C-alpha cells in the first residue's frame, strides 16, 4: 500500500521507541531494563541499586538498622553480650561511641548472615532459638520488620 510504510502506519513513520520500565531511557539503549520504579538512572538506564546493590543494602543498614542494634532497647552491644571479644555466635558488635562502629557492626552482620542465615538472625532477635539475651524485638514489631527486610536483602546480594 503506497500510503503506509513497512510498519503499517500511515505515512510510513516509524513506531515511537518504547521504554518498558519507564525510566526515561528507551529499551534499545537501556543496559538495565528492569529499573525499580522511581529510581534515578544514568544515561545507560541504570540506577545506583543496579550498579552496586550492596551500596543500597549498606545505606539501609546505616539509616535504619544500626540505630536499632545500638539502642538501649536493642541492647545488643552491651559488654555482657555481643559487645565483647568472643561474643556469642561470633557476632561481635560495637556501641555507638566506639570508632567506626557502624561499619564494624555492618561487617559483623554480613559475616553472621553469610555463615548462618537471615532467618537465624531474626529468630534470635525475637527471642527464639536459644538467644541468651532474650527477646530484643517482637516479631510483629516495626523494628523487627526493618531488621528482617534488611537481613533478607543481605542474603539476596550477588
N, C-alpha and C. Protein backbone atom coordinates (compact mmCIF):
# COMPACT_ATOMS: atom_id res chain seq x y z
N UNK A 1 0.85 -1.17 0.00
CA UNK A 1 0.00 0.00 0.00
C UNK A 1 0.90 1.24 0.00
N UNK A 2 0.74 2.12 -0.91
CA UNK A 2 1.61 3.29 -1.00
C UNK A 2 1.39 4.30 0.12
N UNK A 3 0.28 4.24 0.85
CA UNK A 3 0.02 5.20 1.91
C UNK A 3 0.64 4.79 3.25
N UNK A 4 1.08 3.56 3.35
CA UNK A 4 1.67 3.11 4.61
C UNK A 4 3.08 2.65 4.38
N UNK A 5 3.89 2.75 5.42
CA UNK A 5 5.28 2.28 5.35
C UNK A 5 5.31 0.80 5.69
N UNK A 6 6.48 0.29 5.85
CA UNK A 6 6.68 -1.12 6.15
C UNK A 6 6.07 -1.54 7.48
N UNK A 7 5.83 -0.58 8.36
CA UNK A 7 5.28 -0.93 9.67
C UNK A 7 3.76 -0.81 9.71
N UNK A 8 3.13 -0.48 8.59
CA UNK A 8 1.68 -0.39 8.54
C UNK A 8 1.12 0.92 9.06
N UNK A 9 1.96 1.87 9.44
CA UNK A 9 1.49 3.16 9.93
C UNK A 9 1.37 4.10 8.75
N UNK A 10 0.24 4.78 8.64
CA UNK A 10 0.01 5.69 7.54
C UNK A 10 1.14 6.71 7.46
N UNK A 11 1.65 6.90 6.29
CA UNK A 11 2.72 7.85 6.07
C UNK A 11 4.09 7.22 6.28
N UNK A 12 4.16 5.99 6.72
CA UNK A 12 5.43 5.30 6.87
C UNK A 12 6.29 5.77 8.02
N UNK A 13 5.72 6.51 8.98
CA UNK A 13 6.52 6.98 10.11
C UNK A 13 6.83 5.83 11.04
N UNK A 14 8.02 5.81 11.57
CA UNK A 14 8.39 4.70 12.46
C UNK A 14 7.61 4.74 13.77
N UNK A 15 7.48 3.58 14.39
CA UNK A 15 6.84 3.48 15.69
C UNK A 15 7.70 4.22 16.72
N UNK A 16 7.05 4.88 17.69
CA UNK A 16 7.85 5.56 18.72
C UNK A 16 8.63 4.53 19.53
N UNK A 17 9.83 4.89 19.99
CA UNK A 17 10.61 3.93 20.79
C UNK A 17 9.92 3.64 22.11
N UNK A 18 10.12 2.43 22.60
CA UNK A 18 9.48 2.04 23.87
C UNK A 18 10.46 2.15 25.03
N UNK A 19 9.89 2.39 26.19
CA UNK A 19 10.64 2.46 27.44
C UNK A 19 9.86 1.61 28.44
N UNK A 20 10.06 0.32 28.37
CA UNK A 20 9.26 -0.64 29.13
C UNK A 20 9.28 -0.38 30.63
N UNK A 21 10.44 -0.03 31.20
CA UNK A 21 10.50 0.18 32.65
C UNK A 21 10.22 1.62 33.07
N UNK A 22 9.97 2.51 32.09
CA UNK A 22 9.57 3.88 32.41
C UNK A 22 10.64 4.72 33.07
N UNK A 23 11.91 4.42 32.83
CA UNK A 23 13.00 5.17 33.48
C UNK A 23 13.52 6.33 32.65
N UNK A 24 12.93 6.54 31.46
CA UNK A 24 13.37 7.66 30.62
C UNK A 24 14.43 7.28 29.60
N UNK A 25 14.88 6.04 29.59
CA UNK A 25 15.86 5.56 28.61
C UNK A 25 15.17 4.49 27.78
N UNK A 26 15.16 4.69 26.46
CA UNK A 26 14.45 3.74 25.59
C UNK A 26 15.09 2.36 25.65
N UNK A 27 14.26 1.36 25.43
CA UNK A 27 14.69 -0.04 25.54
C UNK A 27 15.91 -0.35 24.68
N UNK A 28 16.01 0.26 23.51
CA UNK A 28 17.14 -0.04 22.62
C UNK A 28 18.47 0.44 23.19
N UNK A 29 18.45 1.40 24.13
CA UNK A 29 19.68 1.93 24.72
C UNK A 29 19.83 1.58 26.20
N UNK A 30 18.82 0.91 26.77
CA UNK A 30 18.77 0.64 28.22
C UNK A 30 19.59 -0.60 28.58
N UNK A 31 20.67 -0.41 29.35
CA UNK A 31 21.51 -1.53 29.77
C UNK A 31 20.96 -2.23 31.01
N UNK A 32 20.02 -1.58 31.69
CA UNK A 32 19.40 -2.14 32.89
C UNK A 32 17.88 -2.07 32.70
N UNK A 33 17.30 -3.04 32.03
CA UNK A 33 15.91 -2.94 31.60
C UNK A 33 14.84 -3.03 32.70
N UNK A 34 15.18 -3.43 33.89
CA UNK A 34 14.16 -3.58 34.94
C UNK A 34 14.39 -2.64 36.11
N UNK A 35 14.63 -1.37 35.82
CA UNK A 35 14.87 -0.39 36.88
C UNK A 35 13.66 -0.29 37.81
N UNK A 36 13.87 -0.38 39.12
CA UNK A 36 12.76 -0.21 40.06
C UNK A 36 12.12 1.18 39.90
N UNK A 37 10.82 1.22 40.01
CA UNK A 37 10.07 2.46 39.84
C UNK A 37 10.56 3.56 40.77
N UNK A 38 10.73 4.75 40.21
CA UNK A 38 11.10 5.92 41.00
C UNK A 38 12.58 6.13 41.21
N UNK A 39 13.42 5.19 40.80
CA UNK A 39 14.86 5.35 40.99
C UNK A 39 15.45 6.19 39.86
N UNK A 40 16.37 7.06 40.21
CA UNK A 40 17.07 7.89 39.23
C UNK A 40 18.07 7.02 38.48
N UNK A 41 18.17 7.25 37.17
CA UNK A 41 19.08 6.43 36.36
C UNK A 41 20.13 7.30 35.67
N UNK A 42 21.21 6.64 35.25
CA UNK A 42 22.25 7.31 34.47
C UNK A 42 21.89 7.20 32.99
N UNK A 43 22.78 7.66 32.11
CA UNK A 43 22.48 7.67 30.67
C UNK A 43 22.34 6.27 30.09
N UNK A 44 22.81 5.25 30.80
CA UNK A 44 22.66 3.87 30.35
C UNK A 44 21.36 3.24 30.85
N UNK A 45 20.58 3.99 31.64
CA UNK A 45 19.33 3.46 32.18
C UNK A 45 19.50 2.64 33.43
N UNK A 46 20.63 2.81 34.12
CA UNK A 46 20.92 2.04 35.33
C UNK A 46 20.86 2.93 36.57
N UNK A 47 20.22 2.43 37.61
CA UNK A 47 20.17 3.14 38.88
C UNK A 47 21.35 2.71 39.75
N UNK A 48 21.57 3.43 40.82
CA UNK A 48 22.66 3.08 41.75
C UNK A 48 22.47 1.67 42.29
N UNK A 49 21.23 1.29 42.59
CA UNK A 49 21.00 -0.05 43.14
C UNK A 49 21.31 -1.14 42.13
N UNK A 50 21.18 -0.82 40.84
CA UNK A 50 21.52 -1.81 39.82
C UNK A 50 23.03 -1.87 39.57
N UNK A 51 23.70 -0.75 39.72
CA UNK A 51 25.15 -0.72 39.52
C UNK A 51 25.89 -1.32 40.71
N UNK A 52 25.40 -1.04 41.93
CA UNK A 52 26.06 -1.52 43.15
C UNK A 52 25.00 -1.87 44.18
N UNK A 53 24.43 -3.09 44.09
CA UNK A 53 23.36 -3.45 45.02
C UNK A 53 23.78 -3.41 46.48
N UNK A 54 25.07 -3.67 46.77
CA UNK A 54 25.49 -3.64 48.17
C UNK A 54 25.44 -2.22 48.73
N UNK A 55 25.62 -1.21 47.88
CA UNK A 55 25.57 0.18 48.36
C UNK A 55 24.20 0.48 48.96
N UNK A 56 23.15 -0.02 48.35
CA UNK A 56 21.80 0.20 48.86
C UNK A 56 21.61 -0.54 50.18
N UNK A 57 22.07 -1.78 50.24
CA UNK A 57 21.96 -2.58 51.47
C UNK A 57 22.72 -1.91 52.60
N UNK A 58 23.91 -1.41 52.30
CA UNK A 58 24.73 -0.72 53.30
C UNK A 58 24.02 0.55 53.79
N UNK A 59 23.42 1.30 52.86
CA UNK A 59 22.74 2.55 53.23
C UNK A 59 21.54 2.28 54.13
N UNK A 60 20.78 1.24 53.83
CA UNK A 60 19.64 0.88 54.68
C UNK A 60 20.13 0.51 56.08
N UNK A 61 21.24 -0.23 56.14
CA UNK A 61 21.81 -0.57 57.45
C UNK A 61 22.15 0.71 58.22
N UNK A 62 22.87 1.60 57.57
CA UNK A 62 23.31 2.83 58.23
C UNK A 62 22.13 3.71 58.64
N UNK A 63 21.12 3.80 57.77
CA UNK A 63 19.98 4.69 58.04
C UNK A 63 18.97 4.12 59.02
N UNK A 64 18.76 2.81 58.97
CA UNK A 64 17.63 2.23 59.70
C UNK A 64 17.99 1.15 60.73
N UNK A 65 18.94 0.28 60.39
CA UNK A 65 19.18 -0.90 61.23
C UNK A 65 20.13 -0.61 62.38
N UNK A 66 21.25 0.04 62.11
CA UNK A 66 22.26 0.21 63.16
C UNK A 66 21.69 0.88 64.42
N UNK A 67 20.86 1.88 64.24
CA UNK A 67 20.28 2.57 65.40
C UNK A 67 19.48 1.61 66.28
N UNK A 68 18.82 0.63 65.66
CA UNK A 68 18.06 -0.35 66.43
C UNK A 68 18.97 -1.29 67.21
N UNK A 69 20.12 -1.57 66.63
CA UNK A 69 21.06 -2.51 67.26
C UNK A 69 21.77 -1.85 68.45
N UNK A 70 22.15 -0.60 68.31
CA UNK A 70 22.92 0.07 69.37
C UNK A 70 22.02 0.76 70.40
N UNK A 71 20.72 0.74 70.18
CA UNK A 71 19.81 1.39 71.13
C UNK A 71 19.73 0.62 72.44
N UNK A 72 19.24 1.28 73.47
CA UNK A 72 19.05 0.62 74.76
C UNK A 72 18.05 -0.53 74.63
N UNK A 73 17.01 -0.33 73.80
CA UNK A 73 16.01 -1.38 73.61
C UNK A 73 16.64 -2.59 72.91
N UNK A 74 17.51 -2.32 71.94
CA UNK A 74 18.19 -3.42 71.25
C UNK A 74 19.12 -4.14 72.19
N UNK A 75 19.88 -3.38 72.95
CA UNK A 75 20.76 -3.96 73.96
C UNK A 75 21.83 -4.91 73.47
N UNK A 76 22.05 -4.94 72.17
CA UNK A 76 22.96 -5.93 71.59
C UNK A 76 24.43 -5.63 71.82
N UNK A 77 24.76 -4.39 72.08
CA UNK A 77 26.17 -4.01 72.15
C UNK A 77 26.71 -3.94 73.58
N UNK A 78 25.94 -4.42 74.54
CA UNK A 78 26.41 -4.37 75.93
C UNK A 78 27.60 -5.31 76.11
N UNK A 79 28.43 -4.99 77.08
CA UNK A 79 29.65 -5.78 77.30
C UNK A 79 29.35 -7.20 77.77
N UNK A 80 28.15 -7.43 78.27
CA UNK A 80 27.79 -8.77 78.71
C UNK A 80 27.25 -9.63 77.58
N UNK A 81 27.15 -9.07 76.42
CA UNK A 81 26.55 -9.82 75.32
C UNK A 81 27.44 -9.75 74.08
N UNK A 82 26.96 -9.14 73.01
CA UNK A 82 27.73 -9.09 71.76
C UNK A 82 28.77 -7.97 71.74
N UNK A 83 28.81 -7.16 72.77
CA UNK A 83 29.77 -6.06 72.83
C UNK A 83 31.10 -6.45 73.45
N UNK A 84 31.53 -7.67 73.22
CA UNK A 84 32.80 -8.13 73.79
C UNK A 84 33.48 -9.12 72.84
N UNK A 85 34.77 -9.26 73.01
CA UNK A 85 35.50 -10.27 72.24
C UNK A 85 34.95 -11.64 72.63
N UNK A 86 34.91 -12.55 71.70
CA UNK A 86 34.35 -13.87 71.96
C UNK A 86 32.85 -13.85 72.12
N UNK A 87 32.20 -12.89 71.49
CA UNK A 87 30.75 -12.73 71.61
C UNK A 87 30.01 -13.98 71.12
N UNK A 88 28.83 -14.21 71.67
CA UNK A 88 28.03 -15.38 71.28
C UNK A 88 27.81 -15.45 69.77
N UNK A 89 27.97 -16.63 69.21
CA UNK A 89 27.75 -16.84 67.79
C UNK A 89 28.75 -16.16 66.89
N UNK A 90 29.81 -15.59 67.49
CA UNK A 90 30.81 -14.89 66.69
C UNK A 90 30.34 -13.52 66.21
N UNK A 91 29.21 -13.06 66.73
CA UNK A 91 28.66 -11.77 66.30
C UNK A 91 29.11 -10.67 67.26
N UNK A 92 30.27 -10.10 67.00
CA UNK A 92 30.83 -9.03 67.82
C UNK A 92 30.27 -7.71 67.33
N UNK A 93 29.65 -6.94 68.24
CA UNK A 93 29.06 -5.65 67.89
C UNK A 93 29.69 -4.54 68.72
N UNK A 94 29.59 -3.33 68.21
CA UNK A 94 30.26 -2.18 68.81
C UNK A 94 29.24 -1.09 69.12
N UNK A 95 29.39 -0.47 70.30
CA UNK A 95 28.50 0.60 70.72
C UNK A 95 28.69 1.87 69.90
N UNK A 96 27.70 2.74 69.94
CA UNK A 96 27.70 3.96 69.14
C UNK A 96 28.90 4.85 69.43
N UNK A 97 29.46 4.78 70.63
CA UNK A 97 30.59 5.63 70.99
C UNK A 97 31.93 5.12 70.50
N UNK A 98 31.97 3.93 69.95
CA UNK A 98 33.24 3.35 69.50
C UNK A 98 33.54 3.79 68.07
N UNK A 99 34.83 4.03 67.78
CA UNK A 99 35.24 4.47 66.45
C UNK A 99 34.79 3.49 65.38
N UNK A 100 34.20 4.05 64.31
CA UNK A 100 33.80 3.27 63.14
C UNK A 100 32.81 2.16 63.48
N UNK A 101 32.01 2.35 64.54
CA UNK A 101 31.12 1.28 65.00
C UNK A 101 30.09 0.88 63.96
N UNK A 102 29.55 1.82 63.22
CA UNK A 102 28.53 1.46 62.22
C UNK A 102 29.10 0.52 61.17
N UNK A 103 30.27 0.85 60.64
CA UNK A 103 30.89 -0.01 59.63
C UNK A 103 31.28 -1.37 60.22
N UNK A 104 31.83 -1.37 61.42
CA UNK A 104 32.21 -2.64 62.06
C UNK A 104 30.99 -3.53 62.31
N UNK A 105 29.90 -2.92 62.76
CA UNK A 105 28.68 -3.70 63.00
C UNK A 105 28.12 -4.24 61.69
N UNK A 106 28.12 -3.40 60.65
CA UNK A 106 27.65 -3.83 59.34
C UNK A 106 28.44 -5.06 58.87
N UNK A 107 29.74 -4.99 58.95
CA UNK A 107 30.58 -6.11 58.52
C UNK A 107 30.34 -7.36 59.37
N UNK A 108 30.14 -7.17 60.68
CA UNK A 108 29.86 -8.32 61.56
C UNK A 108 28.55 -9.00 61.17
N UNK A 109 27.54 -8.20 60.89
CA UNK A 109 26.25 -8.77 60.48
C UNK A 109 26.36 -9.48 59.13
N UNK A 110 27.08 -8.91 58.18
CA UNK A 110 27.26 -9.59 56.89
C UNK A 110 27.88 -10.96 57.10
N UNK A 111 28.94 -11.03 57.90
CA UNK A 111 29.59 -12.32 58.17
C UNK A 111 28.63 -13.30 58.85
N UNK A 112 27.88 -12.79 59.83
CA UNK A 112 26.95 -13.66 60.56
C UNK A 112 25.88 -14.22 59.63
N UNK A 113 25.28 -13.35 58.82
CA UNK A 113 24.23 -13.80 57.90
C UNK A 113 24.80 -14.76 56.87
N UNK A 114 26.00 -14.48 56.38
CA UNK A 114 26.64 -15.35 55.40
C UNK A 114 26.91 -16.74 55.97
N UNK A 115 27.36 -16.80 57.22
CA UNK A 115 27.70 -18.10 57.80
C UNK A 115 26.50 -18.79 58.45
N UNK A 116 25.43 -18.07 58.70
CA UNK A 116 24.22 -18.65 59.29
C UNK A 116 23.06 -18.42 58.33
N UNK A 117 22.22 -17.44 58.62
CA UNK A 117 21.13 -17.05 57.71
C UNK A 117 20.41 -15.84 58.29
N UNK A 118 19.68 -15.17 57.42
CA UNK A 118 18.84 -14.06 57.87
C UNK A 118 17.80 -14.57 58.86
N UNK A 119 17.24 -15.73 58.57
CA UNK A 119 16.21 -16.30 59.43
C UNK A 119 16.75 -16.57 60.84
N UNK A 120 17.96 -17.09 60.93
CA UNK A 120 18.54 -17.35 62.26
C UNK A 120 18.73 -16.05 63.02
N UNK A 121 19.20 -15.01 62.32
CA UNK A 121 19.39 -13.71 62.97
C UNK A 121 18.08 -13.18 63.54
N UNK A 122 17.03 -13.14 62.73
CA UNK A 122 15.78 -12.55 63.21
C UNK A 122 15.08 -13.45 64.23
N UNK A 123 15.30 -14.75 64.15
CA UNK A 123 14.75 -15.65 65.17
C UNK A 123 15.39 -15.34 66.52
N UNK A 124 16.68 -15.11 66.52
CA UNK A 124 17.37 -14.76 67.77
C UNK A 124 16.90 -13.41 68.30
N UNK A 125 16.75 -12.42 67.41
CA UNK A 125 16.30 -11.09 67.82
C UNK A 125 14.93 -11.15 68.48
N UNK A 126 14.09 -12.06 68.00
CA UNK A 126 12.74 -12.17 68.56
C UNK A 126 12.68 -13.11 69.77
N UNK A 127 13.87 -13.56 70.23
CA UNK A 127 13.93 -14.35 71.46
C UNK A 127 13.88 -15.85 71.24
N UNK A 128 13.85 -16.31 70.01
CA UNK A 128 13.80 -17.73 69.75
C UNK A 128 15.18 -18.33 69.61
N UNK A 129 15.21 -19.61 69.39
CA UNK A 129 16.44 -20.34 69.07
C UNK A 129 17.53 -20.18 70.13
N UNK A 130 17.13 -20.15 71.39
CA UNK A 130 18.10 -20.13 72.47
C UNK A 130 18.90 -18.84 72.59
N UNK A 131 18.30 -17.71 72.26
CA UNK A 131 19.00 -16.43 72.38
C UNK A 131 19.15 -16.07 73.85
N UNK A 132 20.37 -16.06 74.33
CA UNK A 132 20.65 -15.77 75.73
C UNK A 132 20.22 -14.39 76.17
N UNK A 133 20.11 -13.46 75.23
CA UNK A 133 19.69 -12.10 75.55
C UNK A 133 18.19 -11.92 75.57
N UNK A 134 17.46 -13.01 75.32
CA UNK A 134 16.01 -12.91 75.30
C UNK A 134 15.50 -12.17 74.08
N UNK A 135 14.24 -11.77 74.15
CA UNK A 135 13.62 -11.07 73.02
C UNK A 135 14.05 -9.62 73.01
N UNK A 136 14.63 -9.19 71.91
CA UNK A 136 15.02 -7.79 71.74
C UNK A 136 13.89 -7.01 71.08
N UNK A 137 13.27 -7.62 70.06
CA UNK A 137 12.14 -7.02 69.35
C UNK A 137 11.13 -8.12 69.03
N UNK A 138 9.87 -7.87 69.31
CA UNK A 138 8.81 -8.84 69.00
C UNK A 138 8.70 -9.01 67.49
N UNK A 139 8.36 -10.21 67.05
CA UNK A 139 8.30 -10.50 65.62
C UNK A 139 7.20 -9.73 64.89
N UNK A 140 6.28 -9.11 65.63
CA UNK A 140 5.25 -8.29 64.98
C UNK A 140 5.52 -6.79 65.14
N UNK A 141 6.73 -6.43 65.56
CA UNK A 141 7.07 -5.01 65.76
C UNK A 141 7.64 -4.40 64.49
N UNK A 142 7.51 -3.09 64.34
CA UNK A 142 8.10 -2.43 63.17
C UNK A 142 9.63 -2.55 63.15
N UNK A 143 10.25 -2.56 64.32
CA UNK A 143 11.71 -2.70 64.40
C UNK A 143 12.16 -4.05 63.84
N UNK A 144 11.45 -5.09 64.24
CA UNK A 144 11.75 -6.43 63.74
C UNK A 144 11.60 -6.45 62.22
N UNK A 145 10.53 -5.85 61.70
CA UNK A 145 10.28 -5.85 60.26
C UNK A 145 11.42 -5.15 59.50
N UNK A 146 11.94 -4.08 60.06
CA UNK A 146 13.06 -3.36 59.43
C UNK A 146 14.29 -4.25 59.37
N UNK A 147 14.61 -4.88 60.49
CA UNK A 147 15.80 -5.74 60.54
C UNK A 147 15.61 -6.96 59.64
N UNK A 148 14.43 -7.55 59.67
CA UNK A 148 14.17 -8.73 58.84
C UNK A 148 14.31 -8.40 57.35
N UNK A 149 13.69 -7.31 56.89
CA UNK A 149 13.77 -6.94 55.48
C UNK A 149 15.21 -6.69 55.08
N UNK A 150 15.96 -6.02 55.95
CA UNK A 150 17.36 -5.76 55.65
C UNK A 150 18.16 -7.07 55.57
N UNK A 151 17.97 -7.95 56.54
CA UNK A 151 18.72 -9.21 56.56
C UNK A 151 18.41 -10.06 55.32
N UNK A 152 17.17 -10.07 54.90
CA UNK A 152 16.80 -10.80 53.67
C UNK A 152 17.48 -10.17 52.47
N UNK A 153 17.59 -8.84 52.45
CA UNK A 153 18.27 -8.17 51.32
C UNK A 153 19.75 -8.52 51.30
N UNK A 154 20.35 -8.76 52.46
CA UNK A 154 21.75 -9.19 52.51
C UNK A 154 21.89 -10.55 51.83
N UNK A 155 20.99 -11.46 52.15
CA UNK A 155 21.05 -12.80 51.53
C UNK A 155 20.87 -12.74 50.01
N UNK A 156 20.15 -11.74 49.53
CA UNK A 156 19.89 -11.62 48.09
C UNK A 156 21.05 -10.99 47.31
N UNK A 157 22.06 -10.50 48.01
CA UNK A 157 23.19 -9.89 47.31
C UNK A 157 23.88 -10.93 46.42
N UNK A 158 24.38 -10.46 45.26
CA UNK A 158 25.09 -11.41 44.39
C UNK A 158 26.39 -11.89 45.00
